[in-house]
Structures are given as C-alpha cells and as structure tokens.
Amino acid sequence: MRRISAQYIFPLLSAPMKRGIIELDEDGTILNLIETDGKLAESESLEFYGGVIVPGFVNAHCHLELSHLKNKFSESEDLADFLEQMICKTKNHSDTEIQNAIHLADSQMWHEGIVAVADISNSDASFETKSFSSIEYHTFVEIFNVYSQKAFQELEKGKNLLETAKKKGIRASLSHHAPYSMSRELLQMMKEFIEQEKSFFSIHFLEGQSENELFRNRSGSISDTFQRYGISLDDLIFEQKSCSESILPFLPKTRGFFVHNTHATEKDVECFQNHNPEHFFVLCPQANLFIEKKLPDIKLLASKSSNICIGTDGLTSNRKLSILAEIRQILESCPEQNFANVLTWACLGGARALGIENRFGKLEVGLKPGILLIEPFDFQRMTLLPESQVKRLA
C-alpha cells in the first residue's frame, strides 16, 4: 500500500484537503482518503509532495488521427482560413508517418496526466493505438457531406467504421462534424440513427462567426471558401435563421457535446439547454485562439451551465495536447474563474459527459482515477503558476 500526501488534495466532490493522505493499492485504486486538518505527522512510509494532488484529466475533444499535422498549420485569420488549410494540407502523408504521430501523441497525453479522451475519427487510423492504449477512449466516428444524394452512402460508411471500432473493443458512436458541413438529409438520417441507438454525439459548433452568416443569408467567409472550391451550398439547411435555430430541429434528443462555442450567445446556450439539459459545452481555448484569435464567453457559459468540460482539439490547431495548458489559458484569460472550478471542468466535467464518472474524474474510495501532482503551485492565491507542471503519481 502507498500513502501519498501533498500541501492540498482536490477530491472535487468535497473541499480541498490540507495535507490529507491518499492510500492506494498497488494498481492505483484508492483505498482511503484521510483528513488530517493540516496536522500531518511524519511517517517513514509516507510520500509527501510540495504541490497539489488532483484526479487524472479527461480530454473532452481531440483529433488524434491528425497528429501528423503538428506544426503544419499556421495560426488562421478565421475559421474559413483554417478550413482552407484543412483542404490544402491534409494530403500526401505516409501511413508510417501517420501511425508514428498517433502513437507519440497518445503517449504524450498519458504523460500529461490525461486518463480518458473523447476523440474524433474519420478513419480507422487511430484504432490500433487506441486498442492498446492506457488511456480510455470514446471514439466519435465523424460524418459529414454537403450533398443530399450522398447522405445514405456517408451514413453507411460511418456505420461500417463504427463496427470496425467496436470489433477492436473501442467504445464508439456516430457523430456530426459541424452544421455547415452536412446536408439536411444527412442531418435527419443521423438524428434518427443516434436516437435509435440512444448514443451521445459531438458537434463542432459556432467556432466561427461566419457560421451564423452562412445560415442567415448564405454569405460570409465560409460561404466564400466553399464557393471558391466548387462546394455547393444548395443542400444545406437554409431557414434564414441563426446557426443554433437552424440546426436545433435536426439534433438528436440524446446528450450532445457542443465543441468550441466561440461565438455562442446567451440565446444559443439557452436554446440547447432547453433542447436537452444533459448537453455539455466543451471549451478548447488554445485552439480557439489559434483559429479565430478569440475565446468563448466563458463567464456566460459558467453562469448558465454546470455541464462544462475541456478539450485540447488536435495538433492542427494546438501545439500540445495538454489539459493543464488549457486550464492555465482559462485562468489567465478569465480571472473571475478559480482553479478549483476549472479543475472540476477538466476532470469531473469530462467524465460526466462521457458517462464514466463512476470510474474517473474525482478522488473517491474504490476508484482508480489517476493521481496527478501539480507543482509548483501558488498557495496564496490557490492557483497555477506560469511554471506549474503535471506529474503522474499513479
């Protein structure tokens, strides 16, 4: 049995424990959490650390299969500019290059204290790594196509990929890409399939202001980019309403991960909460700054919903798959948020979204959630320091 202590332990379902003790069995399962009221007696068998102990992180949005594109993209002017880079820079990479990058990214996420990931897949490229990984993955098999006549074909292709994932023992479900990349027919087919399967879904949402312009009047930079590349807009939803109002009738009633929300307003948030109170809002702050040079209104989201989690996005829009770096970005950009709340989003929020909160996201007797040390730490303000780093203890 290991006995571990630090200046503070953050169980997340209860107040931080000053110099508390965690007792673990040999595989990392928590046997006991001991309050000491800050009066820790010296013990030869006790490991003591000068930072804070937290549960393993849950990455609520990632694109592992795009890891070979690290450092290939430049910071974009807006979402349309980023989409253009996706069109131009994602071809002509060898299978060996792709597989090596996926394996390295998976290893680095584990090193960064990530224990579970909601990951987007458009192919089976990441499945081999996932099937042997120490990280728990839920794979969102992503579907998109703007042409009505290809809707059935795309859905069938997604269902086949879904079965491939499940045969490898990978937890998976079908999911959307974004409102602007799916025909009306494909959205309707996806809604029916996901509701029938009672699975949850993910969707990139309001990552760019041009999404609203596209749905309101077929204008804006996304519209311009599509037309420049000969991509028809004819089969997209066109209700001359906002993106959220347009997409709402086509969304499954099951739990959804709304990712990015960079331009989400109070009306948008309330719209989806009324649709299903179990919907989650996923923050990927470093990717938002990379793509649109703008963060979501995190203060608004935090005031309207307790269903918040944190993702890294992929290495096309981020330099590092680190939840700690995302926490730091939120705390630096939103001083009204405190470390304990943002940590809850990074651990318990993602675990609840994925339905794995009975195993991950909190420090509780009987769980094996991953035990992380963050140090150094600002104990006066109870927050991260610029030089704070994460180390896996169990």
Protein backbone atom coordinates (compact mmCIF):
# COMPACT_ATOMS: atom_id res chain seq x y z
CA MET A 1 0.00 0.00 0.00
CA ARG A 2 1.22 3.52 -0.90
CA ARG A 3 0.47 6.52 1.30
CA ILE A 4 0.68 9.86 -0.52
CA SER A 5 0.22 13.42 0.72
CA ALA A 6 0.68 16.97 -0.55
CA GLN A 7 0.03 20.50 0.61
CA TYR A 8 -3.51 20.14 -0.74
CA ILE A 9 -5.55 17.30 -2.23
CA PHE A 10 -8.51 18.17 -4.50
CA PRO A 11 -11.08 15.32 -4.36
CA LEU A 12 -13.51 17.57 -6.33
CA LEU A 13 -16.69 16.24 -4.71
CA SER A 14 -15.62 17.79 -1.42
CA ALA A 15 -13.48 20.68 -0.22
CA PRO A 16 -9.70 20.57 -0.75
CA MET A 17 -7.91 18.59 1.97
CA LYS A 18 -4.98 20.40 3.55
CA ARG A 19 -2.12 17.88 3.91
CA GLY A 20 -4.56 14.99 3.63
CA ILE A 21 -3.46 11.46 2.84
CA ILE A 22 -4.42 9.13 -0.01
CA GLU A 23 -3.89 5.43 0.49
CA LEU A 24 -3.57 3.39 -2.72
CA ASP A 25 -3.24 -0.27 -3.50
CA GLU A 26 -0.59 -1.47 -5.94
CA ASP A 27 -2.69 -0.83 -9.07
CA GLY A 28 -3.61 2.75 -8.13
CA THR A 29 -7.07 2.10 -6.66
CA ILE A 30 -7.92 4.48 -3.82
CA LEU A 31 -8.30 2.59 -0.55
CA ASN A 32 -8.74 5.55 1.78
CA LEU A 33 -8.83 9.35 1.94
CA ILE A 34 -7.69 10.65 5.31
CA GLU A 35 -8.32 14.16 6.65
CA THR A 36 -5.57 15.49 8.91
CA ASP A 37 -6.84 19.08 9.35
CA GLY A 38 -3.44 20.16 8.13
CA LYS A 39 -1.61 18.44 11.01
CA LEU A 40 0.38 15.83 9.18
CA ALA A 41 2.55 13.57 11.32
CA GLU A 42 5.86 12.43 9.87
CA SER A 43 5.92 8.82 8.76
CA GLU A 44 8.63 6.77 7.10
CA SER A 45 6.18 5.20 4.65
CA LEU A 46 4.54 8.50 3.63
CA GLU A 47 5.33 10.17 0.28
CA PHE A 48 4.94 13.94 0.70
CA TYR A 49 4.90 16.44 -2.15
CA GLY A 50 5.02 20.23 -2.10
CA GLY A 51 2.31 20.82 -4.68
CA VAL A 52 -1.33 19.76 -5.07
CA ILE A 53 -2.78 16.34 -5.90
CA VAL A 54 -5.67 16.12 -8.37
CA PRO A 55 -7.51 13.37 -10.32
CA GLY A 56 -6.49 12.39 -13.85
CA PHE A 57 -7.66 14.75 -16.60
CA VAL A 58 -10.39 13.96 -19.13
CA ASN A 59 -9.84 15.40 -22.61
CA ALA A 60 -13.34 16.05 -23.94
CA HIS A 61 -12.34 16.81 -27.54
CA CYS A 62 -9.36 15.63 -29.59
CA HIS A 63 -8.41 14.65 -33.16
CA LEU A 64 -5.75 12.02 -32.51
CA GLU A 65 -5.63 10.86 -36.14
CA LEU A 66 -4.45 14.33 -37.27
CA SER A 67 -1.37 14.28 -35.05
CA HIS A 68 0.96 14.00 -38.06
CA LEU A 69 -0.07 17.57 -38.97
CA LYS A 70 1.63 19.09 -35.93
CA ASN A 71 3.29 22.41 -36.85
CA LYS A 72 1.98 22.14 -40.43
CA PHE A 73 -0.76 24.79 -39.95
CA SER A 74 -0.27 28.50 -39.34
CA GLU A 75 -2.49 30.50 -36.99
CA SER A 76 -5.52 31.40 -39.05
CA GLU A 77 -7.41 34.63 -39.63
CA ASP A 78 -10.75 32.93 -39.03
CA LEU A 79 -12.48 29.56 -39.29
CA ALA A 80 -12.75 29.77 -43.09
CA ASP A 81 -8.98 30.28 -43.35
CA PHE A 82 -8.45 27.23 -41.12
CA LEU A 83 -10.85 25.15 -43.26
CA GLU A 84 -8.89 26.16 -46.36
CA GLN A 85 -5.70 24.89 -44.73
CA MET A 86 -7.53 21.62 -43.95
CA ILE A 87 -8.41 21.28 -47.63
CA CYS A 88 -4.85 22.01 -48.81
CA LYS A 89 -2.54 20.50 -46.18
CA THR A 90 -4.00 17.13 -45.21
CA LYS A 91 -2.92 15.09 -48.25
CA ASN A 92 0.15 13.03 -49.16
CA HIS A 93 1.26 11.67 -45.79
CA SER A 94 2.50 8.09 -45.48
CA ASP A 95 0.80 5.52 -43.25
CA THR A 96 4.04 5.16 -41.26
CA GLU A 97 4.18 8.91 -40.62
CA ILE A 98 0.54 8.94 -39.53
CA GLN A 99 0.85 5.90 -37.25
CA ASN A 100 4.06 7.10 -35.59
CA ALA A 101 2.50 10.50 -34.86
CA ILE A 102 -0.67 8.94 -33.41
CA HIS A 103 1.33 6.67 -31.13
CA LEU A 104 3.53 9.55 -29.95
CA ALA A 105 0.53 11.82 -29.26
CA ASP A 106 -1.22 9.08 -27.27
CA SER A 107 1.94 8.58 -25.19
CA GLN A 108 2.32 12.31 -24.61
CA MET A 109 -1.30 12.67 -23.46
CA TRP A 110 -0.72 9.90 -20.91
CA HIS A 111 2.44 11.69 -19.75
CA GLU A 112 0.38 14.90 -19.43
CA GLY A 113 -1.98 13.20 -16.97
CA ILE A 114 -4.87 12.51 -19.36
CA VAL A 115 -6.74 9.31 -18.46
CA ALA A 116 -9.72 9.47 -20.84
CA VAL A 117 -10.36 11.10 -24.22
CA ALA A 118 -13.39 11.86 -26.39
CA ASP A 119 -11.72 11.52 -29.77
CA ILE A 120 -12.88 12.27 -33.31
CA SER A 121 -12.19 9.73 -36.06
CA ASN A 122 -12.84 9.91 -39.80
CA SER A 123 -10.90 6.70 -40.48
CA ASP A 124 -9.54 3.68 -38.63
CA ALA A 125 -6.01 5.19 -38.47
CA SER A 126 -6.06 5.62 -34.68
CA PHE A 127 -7.80 2.33 -33.81
CA GLU A 128 -4.68 0.20 -33.37
CA THR A 129 -3.11 2.67 -30.92
CA LYS A 130 -6.39 3.06 -29.04
CA SER A 131 -6.87 -0.68 -28.66
CA PHE A 132 -3.57 -0.96 -26.71
CA SER A 133 -3.53 2.44 -25.01
CA SER A 134 -3.50 3.02 -21.24
CA ILE A 135 -5.95 5.86 -21.95
CA GLU A 136 -9.70 5.17 -22.07
CA TYR A 137 -11.08 6.41 -25.39
CA HIS A 138 -14.58 7.09 -26.62
CA THR A 139 -14.38 7.45 -30.39
CA PHE A 140 -16.83 9.74 -32.16
CA VAL A 141 -16.98 8.41 -35.73
CA GLU A 142 -17.50 11.68 -37.54
CA ILE A 143 -19.83 12.07 -40.53
CA PHE A 144 -20.02 14.92 -43.00
CA ASN A 145 -21.07 15.59 -46.58
CA VAL A 146 -22.91 18.58 -48.05
CA TYR A 147 -24.64 16.69 -50.89
CA SER A 148 -28.07 15.13 -50.38
CA GLN A 149 -27.51 12.31 -52.88
CA LYS A 150 -24.51 11.12 -50.85
CA ALA A 151 -26.22 11.14 -47.44
CA PHE A 152 -27.09 7.42 -47.34
CA GLN A 153 -23.65 6.43 -48.63
CA GLU A 154 -21.90 8.53 -45.97
CA LEU A 155 -24.08 7.15 -43.19
CA GLU A 156 -23.34 3.57 -44.27
CA LYS A 157 -19.62 4.32 -44.42
CA GLY A 158 -19.80 5.71 -40.89
CA LYS A 159 -21.72 2.69 -39.62
CA ASN A 160 -19.09 0.35 -41.09
CA LEU A 161 -16.32 2.30 -39.38
CA LEU A 162 -18.31 2.18 -36.16
CA GLU A 163 -18.46 -1.61 -36.35
CA THR A 164 -14.71 -1.78 -37.03
CA ALA A 165 -14.07 0.23 -33.86
CA LYS A 166 -16.34 -1.96 -31.76
CA LYS A 167 -14.69 -5.16 -33.02
CA LYS A 168 -11.40 -3.80 -31.71
CA GLY A 169 -13.01 -3.22 -28.31
CA ILE A 170 -13.15 0.57 -28.78
CA ARG A 171 -16.13 2.36 -27.30
CA ALA A 172 -17.62 4.41 -30.16
CA SER A 173 -20.68 6.19 -31.55
CA LEU A 174 -21.60 8.05 -34.73
CA SER A 175 -21.30 11.81 -34.62
CA HIS A 176 -21.63 15.01 -36.60
CA HIS A 177 -18.85 17.25 -37.88
CA ALA A 178 -20.50 20.69 -38.00
CA PRO A 179 -23.76 22.32 -39.11
CA TYR A 180 -22.08 23.84 -42.19
CA SER A 181 -20.67 20.53 -43.47
CA MET A 182 -23.79 18.35 -43.52
CA SER A 183 -26.77 18.30 -45.84
CA ARG A 184 -30.29 18.49 -44.49
CA GLU A 185 -30.84 14.83 -45.44
CA LEU A 186 -27.68 13.63 -43.70
CA LEU A 187 -28.58 15.54 -40.54
CA GLN A 188 -32.03 13.94 -40.49
CA MET A 189 -30.61 10.44 -41.03
CA MET A 190 -28.06 11.00 -38.27
CA LYS A 191 -30.73 12.18 -35.86
CA GLU A 192 -32.82 9.06 -36.45
CA PHE A 193 -29.85 6.70 -36.12
CA ILE A 194 -28.41 8.28 -32.95
CA GLU A 195 -31.81 8.39 -31.23
CA GLN A 196 -32.41 4.76 -32.17
CA GLU A 197 -29.00 3.79 -30.76
CA LYS A 198 -29.51 6.03 -27.68
CA SER A 199 -25.90 7.13 -28.08
CA PHE A 200 -24.44 10.55 -27.45
CA PHE A 201 -22.91 12.78 -30.13
CA SER A 202 -20.42 15.58 -30.68
CA ILE A 203 -20.65 18.61 -32.97
CA HIS A 204 -18.28 21.48 -33.73
CA PHE A 205 -20.44 24.50 -33.03
CA LEU A 206 -20.13 28.27 -33.61
CA GLU A 207 -16.38 28.04 -33.96
CA GLY A 208 -16.63 30.99 -36.35
CA GLN A 209 -18.99 33.94 -36.67
CA SER A 210 -19.28 33.12 -40.38
CA GLU A 211 -21.44 30.12 -39.42
CA ASN A 212 -24.28 32.45 -38.50
CA GLU A 213 -23.78 34.45 -41.70
CA LEU A 214 -23.94 31.24 -43.74
CA PHE A 215 -27.24 30.12 -42.25
CA ARG A 216 -28.88 33.55 -42.19
CA ASN A 217 -28.18 34.73 -45.73
CA ARG A 218 -25.65 32.43 -47.45
CA SER A 219 -22.86 34.98 -47.02
CA GLY A 220 -19.61 35.26 -45.07
CA SER A 221 -16.16 33.72 -45.34
CA ILE A 222 -17.25 30.05 -45.09
CA SER A 223 -19.69 30.60 -47.96
CA ASP A 224 -16.94 32.30 -49.97
CA THR A 225 -14.46 29.47 -49.32
CA PHE A 226 -16.95 26.75 -50.28
CA GLN A 227 -17.86 28.52 -53.49
CA ARG A 228 -14.19 29.12 -54.36
CA TYR A 229 -13.56 25.36 -54.15
CA GLY A 230 -16.74 24.49 -56.06
CA ILE A 231 -18.56 23.13 -53.00
CA SER A 232 -22.30 23.62 -53.37
CA LEU A 233 -24.38 25.19 -50.60
CA ASP A 234 -27.71 24.11 -52.13
CA ASP A 235 -28.39 21.12 -49.84
CA LEU A 236 -27.51 22.81 -46.53
CA ILE A 237 -30.26 23.96 -44.18
CA PHE A 238 -31.46 27.40 -45.21
CA GLU A 239 -34.07 28.77 -42.83
CA GLN A 240 -32.62 32.32 -42.77
CA LYS A 241 -32.12 31.94 -39.02
CA SER A 242 -29.10 31.73 -36.74
CA CYS A 243 -26.98 28.60 -36.78
CA SER A 244 -28.44 27.31 -33.50
CA GLU A 245 -32.05 27.98 -34.55
CA SER A 246 -31.42 26.29 -37.90
CA ILE A 247 -29.74 23.16 -36.55
CA LEU A 248 -31.93 22.57 -33.50
CA PRO A 249 -34.74 20.57 -35.22
CA PHE A 250 -32.12 18.22 -36.67
CA LEU A 251 -30.29 17.43 -33.42
CA PRO A 252 -30.85 14.14 -31.57
CA LYS A 253 -32.52 14.42 -28.19
CA THR A 254 -29.67 12.43 -26.66
CA ARG A 255 -26.71 14.03 -24.87
CA GLY A 256 -24.52 16.21 -27.08
CA PHE A 257 -21.00 17.63 -26.83
CA PHE A 258 -21.11 21.19 -28.25
CA VAL A 259 -17.49 21.91 -29.04
CA HIS A 260 -15.82 25.35 -29.20
CA ASN A 261 -18.84 27.72 -28.80
CA THR A 262 -16.51 30.60 -29.64
CA HIS A 263 -19.36 32.82 -30.78
CA ALA A 264 -22.18 31.33 -28.68
CA THR A 265 -24.57 33.84 -27.13
CA GLU A 266 -26.85 33.54 -24.13
CA LYS A 267 -29.71 32.74 -26.51
CA ASP A 268 -27.68 29.92 -28.11
CA VAL A 269 -26.82 28.39 -24.73
CA GLU A 270 -30.42 28.52 -23.52
CA CYS A 271 -31.59 27.08 -26.84
CA PHE A 272 -29.57 23.89 -26.32
CA GLN A 273 -30.27 23.64 -22.61
CA ASN A 274 -33.98 23.69 -23.38
CA HIS A 275 -33.44 21.03 -26.04
CA ASN A 276 -31.74 18.70 -23.53
CA PRO A 277 -30.43 19.75 -20.09
CA GLU A 278 -27.79 17.00 -20.39
CA HIS A 279 -25.97 18.71 -23.26
CA PHE A 280 -22.34 19.65 -22.49
CA PHE A 281 -20.30 22.65 -23.62
CA VAL A 282 -16.67 21.83 -24.45
CA LEU A 283 -14.01 24.52 -24.16
CA CYS A 284 -10.84 24.29 -26.29
CA PRO A 285 -9.34 27.72 -25.52
CA GLN A 286 -5.93 27.36 -27.15
CA ALA A 287 -7.48 26.08 -30.37
CA ASN A 288 -10.00 28.95 -30.33
CA LEU A 289 -7.15 31.47 -30.14
CA PHE A 290 -5.28 29.63 -32.90
CA ILE A 291 -8.27 29.54 -35.25
CA GLU A 292 -10.24 32.72 -34.51
CA LYS A 293 -8.00 34.71 -32.12
CA LYS A 294 -10.97 34.74 -29.77
CA LEU A 295 -12.18 32.83 -26.71
CA PRO A 296 -15.78 31.82 -25.97
CA ASP A 297 -17.66 33.85 -23.38
CA ILE A 298 -16.56 31.51 -20.59
CA LYS A 299 -18.13 33.70 -17.92
CA LEU A 300 -21.50 33.39 -19.68
CA LEU A 301 -21.19 29.62 -20.11
CA ALA A 302 -20.19 29.15 -16.46
CA SER A 303 -23.14 31.25 -15.29
CA LYS A 304 -25.62 29.33 -17.43
CA SER A 305 -24.45 25.73 -17.18
CA SER A 306 -22.68 23.32 -14.85
CA ASN A 307 -22.14 20.98 -17.82
CA ILE A 308 -18.75 22.26 -18.92
CA CYS A 309 -15.69 20.26 -19.90
CA ILE A 310 -12.33 20.94 -21.51
CA GLY A 311 -10.66 19.60 -24.65
CA THR A 312 -7.40 20.15 -26.47
CA ASP A 313 -8.63 19.84 -30.07
CA GLY A 314 -5.99 18.29 -32.33
CA LEU A 315 -2.43 19.20 -33.29
CA THR A 316 -3.65 21.07 -36.37
CA SER A 317 -4.87 23.85 -34.06
CA ASN A 318 -2.76 23.30 -30.96
CA ARG A 319 0.94 22.89 -30.25
CA LYS A 320 0.48 20.46 -27.38
CA LEU A 321 -2.24 18.06 -26.17
CA SER A 322 -2.17 19.27 -22.56
CA ILE A 323 -5.22 19.83 -20.37
CA LEU A 324 -3.03 21.65 -17.85
CA ALA A 325 -2.15 24.17 -20.57
CA GLU A 326 -5.86 24.65 -21.30
CA ILE A 327 -6.60 25.21 -17.59
CA ARG A 328 -3.79 27.78 -17.45
CA GLN A 329 -5.18 29.58 -20.52
CA ILE A 330 -8.65 29.82 -18.97
CA LEU A 331 -7.30 31.11 -15.65
CA GLU A 332 -5.10 33.70 -17.37
CA SER A 333 -7.87 34.91 -19.68
CA CYS A 334 -10.77 34.72 -17.22
CA PRO A 335 -9.57 35.91 -13.80
CA GLU A 336 -13.09 35.58 -12.41
CA GLN A 337 -12.73 31.77 -12.62
CA ASN A 338 -10.95 29.95 -9.79
CA PHE A 339 -8.67 26.94 -10.05
CA ALA A 340 -10.98 24.51 -8.25
CA ASN A 341 -13.90 25.21 -10.61
CA VAL A 342 -11.82 24.95 -13.78
CA LEU A 343 -10.18 21.78 -12.46
CA THR A 344 -13.66 20.31 -11.98
CA TRP A 345 -14.43 21.02 -15.66
CA ALA A 346 -11.13 19.34 -16.66
CA CYS A 347 -11.77 16.17 -14.64
CA LEU A 348 -15.30 15.54 -13.46
CA GLY A 349 -16.98 17.52 -16.26
CA GLY A 350 -15.46 15.36 -18.99
CA ALA A 351 -16.08 12.17 -17.02
CA ARG A 352 -19.76 13.05 -16.58
CA ALA A 353 -20.10 13.93 -20.26
CA LEU A 354 -18.69 10.53 -21.23
CA GLY A 355 -20.74 8.67 -18.62
CA ILE A 356 -17.63 7.35 -16.84
CA GLU A 357 -17.88 9.36 -13.61
CA ASN A 358 -18.20 6.09 -11.69
CA ARG A 359 -14.52 5.44 -12.54
CA PHE A 360 -12.84 8.75 -13.40
CA GLY A 361 -12.89 12.47 -12.68
CA LYS A 362 -12.74 12.50 -8.87
CA LEU A 363 -10.80 11.15 -5.92
CA GLU A 364 -13.04 8.67 -4.16
CA VAL A 365 -12.54 5.38 -2.33
CA GLY A 366 -12.80 2.43 -4.71
CA LEU A 367 -11.89 4.36 -7.86
CA LYS A 368 -8.74 4.26 -9.97
CA PRO A 369 -8.96 7.76 -11.49
CA GLY A 370 -5.26 8.53 -11.92
CA ILE A 371 -3.36 10.51 -9.30
CA LEU A 372 -1.60 13.65 -10.54
CA LEU A 373 0.76 16.10 -8.86
CA ILE A 374 0.81 19.75 -9.94
CA GLU A 375 3.77 21.77 -8.76
CA PRO A 376 4.91 24.42 -8.12
CA PHE A 377 1.62 26.00 -7.03
CA ASP A 378 0.57 29.46 -5.79
CA PHE A 379 -0.85 28.64 -2.35
CA GLN A 380 -1.51 32.27 -1.52
CA ARG A 381 -3.96 32.68 -4.40
CA MET A 382 -4.72 28.93 -4.75
CA THR A 383 -3.98 28.87 -8.45
CA LEU A 384 -1.41 27.78 -11.02
CA LEU A 385 1.93 29.45 -11.51
CA PRO A 386 3.35 30.08 -15.01
CA GLU A 387 5.88 27.31 -14.39
CA SER A 388 3.40 24.77 -12.94
CA GLN A 389 3.77 21.28 -14.41
CA VAL A 390 1.93 18.00 -14.03
CA LYS A 391 3.47 14.69 -12.95
CA ARG A 392 1.69 11.36 -12.84
CA LEU A 393 1.96 9.66 -9.42
CA ALA A 394 -0.37 6.72 -10.15
